[in-house]
């Protein structure tokens, strides 16, 4: 796989691509490429949200553990 640039994330690149595709005059309901781009965007957003939730939950457990030991 190719190296990814650190300049912009996958999510921002996908958002830009979806915006460009949606501004085209084509019928968006029948556009398979647009549909797959939207699916990829949703997948990356889901992964990002899951990661932040995991970090948040693990941080709260780490702070709660020393208090419970007292």
PDB file of N, CA and C in Angstrom:
ATOM      1  N   UNK A   1       0.836  -1.183   0.000  1.00  0.00           N
ATOM      2  CA  UNK A   1       0.000   0.000   0.000  1.00  0.00           C
ATOM      3  C   UNK A   1       0.877   1.240   0.000  1.00  0.00           C
ATOM      4  N   UNK A   2       0.365   2.280  -0.557  1.00  0.00           N
ATOM      5  CA  UNK A   2       1.113   3.531  -0.649  1.00  0.00           C
ATOM      6  C   UNK A   2       1.076   4.268   0.680  1.00  0.00           C
ATOM      7  N   UNK A   3       2.086   5.100   0.868  1.00  0.00           N
ATOM      8  CA  UNK A   3       2.121   5.896   2.085  1.00  0.00           C
ATOM      9  C   UNK A   3       1.059   6.983   2.019  1.00  0.00           C
ATOM     10  N   UNK A   4       0.467   7.262   3.163  1.00  0.00           N
ATOM     11  CA  UNK A   4      -0.543   8.310   3.225  1.00  0.00           C
ATOM     12  C   UNK A   4       0.117   9.605   3.663  1.00  0.00           C
ATOM     13  N   UNK A   5      -0.348  10.697   3.118  1.00  0.00           N
ATOM     14  CA  UNK A   5       0.195  11.986   3.519  1.00  0.00           C
ATOM     15  C   UNK A   5      -0.401  12.379   4.860  1.00  0.00           C
ATOM     16  N   UNK A   6       0.402  13.019   5.666  1.00  0.00           N
ATOM     17  CA  UNK A   6      -0.057  13.434   6.983  1.00  0.00           C
ATOM     18  C   UNK A   6      -0.855  14.726   6.915  1.00  0.00           C
ATOM     19  N   UNK A   7      -0.892  15.352   5.749  1.00  0.00           N
ATOM     20  CA  UNK A   7      -1.570  16.635   5.594  1.00  0.00           C
ATOM     21  C   UNK A   7      -3.055  16.585   5.861  1.00  0.00           C
ATOM     22  N   UNK A   8      -3.736  15.571   5.333  1.00  0.00           N
ATOM     23  CA  UNK A   8      -5.174  15.476   5.552  1.00  0.00           C
ATOM     24  C   UNK A   8      -5.566  14.029   5.786  1.00  0.00           C
ATOM     25  N   UNK A   9      -6.587  13.835   6.585  1.00  0.00           N
ATOM     26  CA  UNK A   9      -7.006  12.487   6.933  1.00  0.00           C
ATOM     27  C   UNK A   9      -7.872  11.887   5.833  1.00  0.00           C
ATOM     28  N   UNK A  10      -8.138  10.601   5.967  1.00  0.00           N
ATOM     29  CA  UNK A  10      -9.007   9.917   5.007  1.00  0.00           C
ATOM     30  C   UNK A  10     -10.387  10.555   4.993  1.00  0.00           C
ATOM     31  N   UNK A  11     -10.842  10.906   6.179  1.00  0.00           N
ATOM     32  CA  UNK A  11     -12.190  11.457   6.296  1.00  0.00           C
ATOM     33  C   UNK A  11     -12.339  12.770   5.529  1.00  0.00           C
ATOM     34  N   UNK A  12     -11.356  13.652   5.638  1.00  0.00           N
ATOM     35  CA  UNK A  12     -11.453  14.935   4.930  1.00  0.00           C
ATOM     36  C   UNK A  12     -11.357  14.736   3.423  1.00  0.00           C
ATOM     37  N   UNK A  13     -10.495  13.815   2.983  1.00  0.00           N
ATOM     38  CA  UNK A  13     -10.389  13.542   1.552  1.00  0.00           C
ATOM     39  C   UNK A  13     -11.696  12.984   1.005  1.00  0.00           C
ATOM     40  N   UNK A  14     -12.304  12.068   1.760  1.00  0.00           N
ATOM     41  CA  UNK A  14     -13.564  11.487   1.317  1.00  0.00           C
ATOM     42  C   UNK A  14     -14.680  12.526   1.299  1.00  0.00           C
ATOM     43  N   UNK A  15     -14.689  13.414   2.284  1.00  0.00           N
ATOM     44  CA  UNK A  15     -15.700  14.478   2.309  1.00  0.00           C
ATOM     45  C   UNK A  15     -15.583  15.360   1.076  1.00  0.00           C
ATOM     46  N   UNK A  16     -14.345  15.681   0.694  1.00  0.00           N
ATOM     47  CA  UNK A  16     -14.129  16.509  -0.492  1.00  0.00           C
ATOM     48  C   UNK A  16     -14.603  15.792  -1.754  1.00  0.00           C
ATOM     49  N   UNK A  17     -14.277  14.497  -1.865  1.00  0.00           N
ATOM     50  CA  UNK A  17     -14.679  13.730  -3.044  1.00  0.00           C
ATOM     51  C   UNK A  17     -16.197  13.624  -3.148  1.00  0.00           C
ATOM     52  N   UNK A  18     -16.855  13.392  -2.018  1.00  0.00           N
ATOM     53  CA  UNK A  18     -18.315  13.290  -2.016  1.00  0.00           C
ATOM     54  C   UNK A  18     -18.933  14.619  -2.408  1.00  0.00           C
ATOM     55  N   UNK A  19     -18.384  15.719  -1.896  1.00  0.00           N
ATOM     56  CA  UNK A  19     -18.913  17.043  -2.228  1.00  0.00           C
ATOM     57  C   UNK A  19     -18.782  17.325  -3.723  1.00  0.00           C
ATOM     58  N   UNK A  20     -17.652  16.941  -4.310  1.00  0.00           N
ATOM     59  CA  UNK A  20     -17.444  17.158  -5.744  1.00  0.00           C
ATOM     60  C   UNK A  20     -18.425  16.314  -6.554  1.00  0.00           C
ATOM     61  N   UNK A  21     -18.595  15.060  -6.160  1.00  0.00           N
ATOM     62  CA  UNK A  21     -19.500  14.171  -6.888  1.00  0.00           C
ATOM     63  C   UNK A  21     -20.945  14.657  -6.799  1.00  0.00           C
ATOM     64  N   UNK A  22     -21.337  15.189  -5.628  1.00  0.00           N
ATOM     65  CA  UNK A  22     -22.716  15.636  -5.444  1.00  0.00           C
ATOM     66  C   UNK A  22     -23.011  16.896  -6.241  1.00  0.00           C
ATOM     67  N   UNK A  23     -22.001  17.730  -6.488  1.00  0.00           N
ATOM     68  CA  UNK A  23     -22.234  18.957  -7.244  1.00  0.00           C
ATOM     69  C   UNK A  23     -22.354  18.696  -8.742  1.00  0.00           C
ATOM     70  N   UNK A  24     -21.904  17.517  -9.188  1.00  0.00           N
ATOM     71  CA  UNK A  24     -22.082  17.160 -10.600  1.00  0.00           C
ATOM     72  C   UNK A  24     -23.573  17.048 -10.904  1.00  0.00           C
ATOM     73  N   UNK A  25     -23.933  17.212 -12.155  1.00  0.00           N
ATOM     74  CA  UNK A  25     -25.332  17.189 -12.552  1.00  0.00           C
ATOM     75  C   UNK A  25     -25.928  15.800 -12.682  1.00  0.00           C
ATOM     76  N   UNK A  26     -25.204  14.764 -12.315  1.00  0.00           N
ATOM     77  CA  UNK A  26     -25.678  13.393 -12.488  1.00  0.00           C
ATOM     78  C   UNK A  26     -26.750  13.049 -11.450  1.00  0.00           C
ATOM     79  N   UNK A  27     -27.495  11.997 -11.749  1.00  0.00           N
ATOM     80  CA  UNK A  27     -28.496  11.489 -10.819  1.00  0.00           C
ATOM     81  C   UNK A  27     -27.772  10.768  -9.687  1.00  0.00           C
ATOM     82  N   UNK A  28     -27.877  11.284  -8.483  1.00  0.00           N
ATOM     83  CA  UNK A  28     -27.113  10.736  -7.364  1.00  0.00           C
ATOM     84  C   UNK A  28     -27.641   9.385  -6.898  1.00  0.00           C
ATOM     85  N   UNK A  29     -28.886   9.071  -7.178  1.00  0.00           N
ATOM     86  CA  UNK A  29     -29.444   7.794  -6.726  1.00  0.00           C
ATOM     87  C   UNK A  29     -28.878   6.617  -7.510  1.00  0.00           C
ATOM     88  N   UNK A  30     -28.506   6.841  -8.750  1.00  0.00           N
ATOM     89  CA  UNK A  30     -27.999   5.760  -9.593  1.00  0.00           C
ATOM     90  C   UNK A  30     -26.480   5.765  -9.718  1.00  0.00           C
ATOM     91  N   UNK A  31     -25.803   6.641  -9.026  1.00  0.00           N
ATOM     92  CA  UNK A  31     -24.351   6.755  -9.139  1.00  0.00           C
ATOM     93  C   UNK A  31     -23.680   5.804  -8.148  1.00  0.00           C
ATOM     94  N   UNK A  32     -23.138   4.714  -8.671  1.00  0.00           N
ATOM     95  CA  UNK A  32     -22.504   3.702  -7.820  1.00  0.00           C
ATOM     96  C   UNK A  32     -21.234   4.226  -7.159  1.00  0.00           C
ATOM     97  N   UNK A  33     -20.475   5.042  -7.870  1.00  0.00           N
ATOM     98  CA  UNK A  33     -19.224   5.569  -7.313  1.00  0.00           C
ATOM     99  C   UNK A  33     -19.512   6.475  -6.121  1.00  0.00           C
ATOM    100  N   UNK A  34     -20.533   7.301  -6.244  1.00  0.00           N
ATOM    101  CA  UNK A  34     -20.907   8.189  -5.142  1.00  0.00           C
ATOM    102  C   UNK A  34     -21.386   7.381  -3.946  1.00  0.00           C
ATOM    103  N   UNK A  35     -22.149   6.342  -4.220  1.00  0.00           N
ATOM    104  CA  UNK A  35     -22.655   5.490  -3.143  1.00  0.00           C
ATOM    105  C   UNK A  35     -21.506   4.831  -2.384  1.00  0.00           C
ATOM    106  N   UNK A  36     -20.522   4.327  -3.110  1.00  0.00           N
ATOM    107  CA  UNK A  36     -19.391   3.675  -2.449  1.00  0.00           C
ATOM    108  C   UNK A  36     -18.539   4.682  -1.686  1.00  0.00           C
ATOM    109  N   UNK A  37     -18.404   5.899  -2.219  1.00  0.00           N
ATOM    110  CA  UNK A  37     -17.669   6.934  -1.489  1.00  0.00           C
ATOM    111  C   UNK A  37     -18.366   7.276  -0.182  1.00  0.00           C
ATOM    112  N   UNK A  38     -19.688   7.387  -0.234  1.00  0.00           N
ATOM    113  CA  UNK A  38     -20.445   7.695   0.981  1.00  0.00           C
ATOM    114  C   UNK A  38     -20.313   6.577   2.003  1.00  0.00           C
ATOM    115  N   UNK A  39     -20.311   5.329   1.521  1.00  0.00           N
ATOM    116  CA  UNK A  39     -20.152   4.191   2.422  1.00  0.00           C
ATOM    117  C   UNK A  39     -18.781   4.211   3.088  1.00  0.00           C
ATOM    118  N   UNK A  40     -17.742   4.514   2.304  1.00  0.00           N
ATOM    119  CA  UNK A  40     -16.390   4.598   2.870  1.00  0.00           C
ATOM    120  C   UNK A  40     -16.291   5.717   3.889  1.00  0.00           C
ATOM    121  N   UNK A  41     -16.938   6.853   3.586  1.00  0.00           N
ATOM    122  CA  UNK A  41     -16.931   7.982   4.507  1.00  0.00           C
ATOM    123  C   UNK A  41     -17.613   7.602   5.815  1.00  0.00           C
ATOM    124  N   UNK A  42     -18.762   6.968   5.741  1.00  0.00           N
ATOM    125  CA  UNK A  42     -19.478   6.542   6.948  1.00  0.00           C
ATOM    126  C   UNK A  42     -18.634   5.559   7.754  1.00  0.00           C
ATOM    127  N   UNK A  43     -17.937   4.655   7.060  1.00  0.00           N
ATOM    128  CA  UNK A  43     -17.099   3.670   7.742  1.00  0.00           C
ATOM    129  C   UNK A  43     -15.969   4.350   8.510  1.00  0.00           C
ATOM    130  N   UNK A  44     -15.313   5.331   7.882  1.00  0.00           N
ATOM    131  CA  UNK A  44     -14.216   6.025   8.566  1.00  0.00           C
ATOM    132  C   UNK A  44     -14.738   6.853   9.731  1.00  0.00           C
ATOM    133  N   UNK A  45     -15.916   7.464   9.570  1.00  0.00           N
ATOM    134  CA  UNK A  45     -16.507   8.225  10.672  1.00  0.00           C
ATOM    135  C   UNK A  45     -16.849   7.303  11.831  1.00  0.00           C
ATOM    136  N   UNK A  46     -17.390   6.122  11.526  1.00  0.00           N
ATOM    137  CA  UNK A  46     -17.726   5.152  12.564  1.00  0.00           C
ATOM    138  C   UNK A  46     -16.483   4.708  13.318  1.00  0.00           C
ATOM    139  N   UNK A  47     -15.396   4.450  12.578  1.00  0.00           N
ATOM    140  CA  UNK A  47     -14.144   4.032  13.212  1.00  0.00           C
ATOM    141  C   UNK A  47     -13.598   5.115  14.125  1.00  0.00           C
ATOM    142  N   UNK A  48     -13.658   6.383  13.660  1.00  0.00           N
ATOM    143  CA  UNK A  48     -13.158   7.494  14.465  1.00  0.00           C
ATOM    144  C   UNK A  48     -13.977   7.643  15.743  1.00  0.00           C
ATOM    145  N   UNK A  49     -15.296   7.559  15.624  1.00  0.00           N
ATOM    146  CA  UNK A  49     -16.159   7.690  16.802  1.00  0.00           C
ATOM    147  C   UNK A  49     -15.932   6.554  17.785  1.00  0.00           C
ATOM    148  N   UNK A  50     -15.771   5.339  17.276  1.00  0.00           N
ATOM    149  CA  UNK A  50     -15.531   4.183  18.139  1.00  0.00           C
ATOM    150  C   UNK A  50     -14.206   4.331  18.877  1.00  0.00           C
ATOM    151  N   UNK A  51     -13.200   4.841  18.190  1.00  0.00           N
ATOM    152  CA  UNK A  51     -11.896   5.036  18.810  1.00  0.00           C
ATOM    153  C   UNK A  51     -11.967   6.064  19.929  1.00  0.00           C
ATOM    154  N   UNK A  52     -12.673   7.178  19.691  1.00  0.00           N
ATOM    155  CA  UNK A  52     -12.786   8.202  20.734  1.00  0.00           C
ATOM    156  C   UNK A  52     -13.571   7.674  21.926  1.00  0.00           C
ATOM    157  N   UNK A  53     -14.613   6.881  21.675  1.00  0.00           N
ATOM    158  CA  UNK A  53     -15.366   6.291  22.784  1.00  0.00           C
ATOM    159  C   UNK A  53     -14.503   5.331  23.590  1.00  0.00           C
ATOM    160  N   UNK A  54     -13.708   4.521  22.882  1.00  0.00           N
ATOM    161  CA  UNK A  54     -12.827   3.581  23.569  1.00  0.00           C
ATOM    162  C   UNK A  54     -11.825   4.313  24.443  1.00  0.00           C
ATOM    163  N   UNK A  55     -11.236   5.387  23.906  1.00  0.00           N
ATOM    164  CA  UNK A  55     -10.269   6.166  24.682  1.00  0.00           C
ATOM    165  C   UNK A  55     -10.932   6.820  25.882  1.00  0.00           C
ATOM    166  N   UNK A  56     -12.125   7.350  25.681  1.00  0.00           N
ATOM    167  CA  UNK A  56     -12.856   8.016  26.758  1.00  0.00           C
ATOM    168  C   UNK A  56     -13.185   7.024  27.873  1.00  0.00           C
ATOM    169  N   UNK A  57     -13.677   5.849  27.495  1.00  0.00           N
ATOM    170  CA  UNK A  57     -14.040   4.847  28.492  1.00  0.00           C
ATOM    171  C   UNK A  57     -12.825   4.313  29.232  1.00  0.00           C
ATOM    172  N   UNK A  58     -11.725   4.107  28.536  1.00  0.00           N
ATOM    173  CA  UNK A  58     -10.534   3.595  29.210  1.00  0.00           C
ATOM    174  C   UNK A  58      -9.945   4.648  30.140  1.00  0.00           C
ATOM    175  N   UNK A  59     -10.039   5.908  29.763  1.00  0.00           N
ATOM    176  CA  UNK A  59      -9.532   6.976  30.624  1.00  0.00           C
ATOM    177  C   UNK A  59     -10.360   7.078  31.892  1.00  0.00           C
ATOM    178  N   UNK A  60     -11.666   6.921  31.784  1.00  0.00           N
ATOM    179  CA  UNK A  60     -12.508   7.022  32.973  1.00  0.00           C
ATOM    180  C   UNK A  60     -12.283   5.827  33.893  1.00  0.00           C
ATOM    181  N   UNK A  61     -12.004   4.667  33.336  1.00  0.00           N
ATOM    182  CA  UNK A  61     -11.733   3.494  34.161  1.00  0.00           C
ATOM    183  C   UNK A  61     -10.400   3.634  34.884  1.00  0.00           C
ATOM    184  N   UNK A  62      -9.413   4.236  34.222  1.00  0.00           N
ATOM    185  CA  UNK A  62      -8.108   4.418  34.849  1.00  0.00           C
ATOM    186  C   UNK A  62      -8.199   5.375  36.030  1.00  0.00           C
ATOM    187  N   UNK A  63      -8.990   6.417  35.908  1.00  0.00           N
ATOM    188  CA  UNK A  63      -9.118   7.379  37.006  1.00  0.00           C
ATOM    189  C   UNK A  63      -9.993   6.827  38.120  1.00  0.00           C
ATOM    190  N   UNK A  64     -10.950   5.965  37.798  1.00  0.00           N
ATOM    191  CA  UNK A  64     -11.848   5.419  38.807  1.00  0.00           C
ATOM    192  C   UNK A  64     -11.196   4.289  39.599  1.00  0.00           C
ATOM    193  N   UNK A  65     -10.241   3.603  39.042  1.00  0.00           N
ATOM    194  CA  UNK A  65      -9.618   2.459  39.700  1.00  0.00           C
ATOM    195  C   UNK A  65      -8.875   2.834  40.982  1.00  0.00           C
ATOM    196  N   UNK A  66      -8.027   3.869  41.016  1.00  0.00           N
ATOM    197  CA  UNK A  66      -7.341   4.196  42.267  1.00  0.00           C
ATOM    198  C   UNK A  66      -8.296   4.607  43.392  1.00  0.00           C
ATOM    199  N   UNK A  67      -9.398   5.227  43.068  1.00  0.00           N
ATOM    200  CA  UNK A  67     -10.352   5.630  44.092  1.00  0.00           C
ATOM    201  C   UNK A  67     -11.027   4.417  44.716  1.00  0.00           C
ATOM    202  N   UNK A  68     -11.265   3.400  43.948  1.00  0.00           N
ATOM    203  CA  UNK A  68     -11.934   2.203  44.442  1.00  0.00           C
ATOM    204  C   UNK A  68     -11.024   1.402  45.365  1.00  0.00           C
ATOM    205  N   UNK A  69      -9.718   1.508  45.196  1.00  0.00           N
ATOM    206  CA  UNK A  69      -8.769   0.746  46.012  1.00  0.00           C
ATOM    207  C   UNK A  69      -8.629   1.303  47.421  1.00  0.00           C
ATOM    208  N   UNK A  70      -9.023   2.541  47.649  1.00  0.00           N
ATOM    209  CA  UNK A  70      -8.842   3.171  48.967  1.00  0.00           C
ATOM    210  C   UNK A  70      -9.657   2.550  50.045  1.00  0.00           C
TER     211      UNK A  70
END
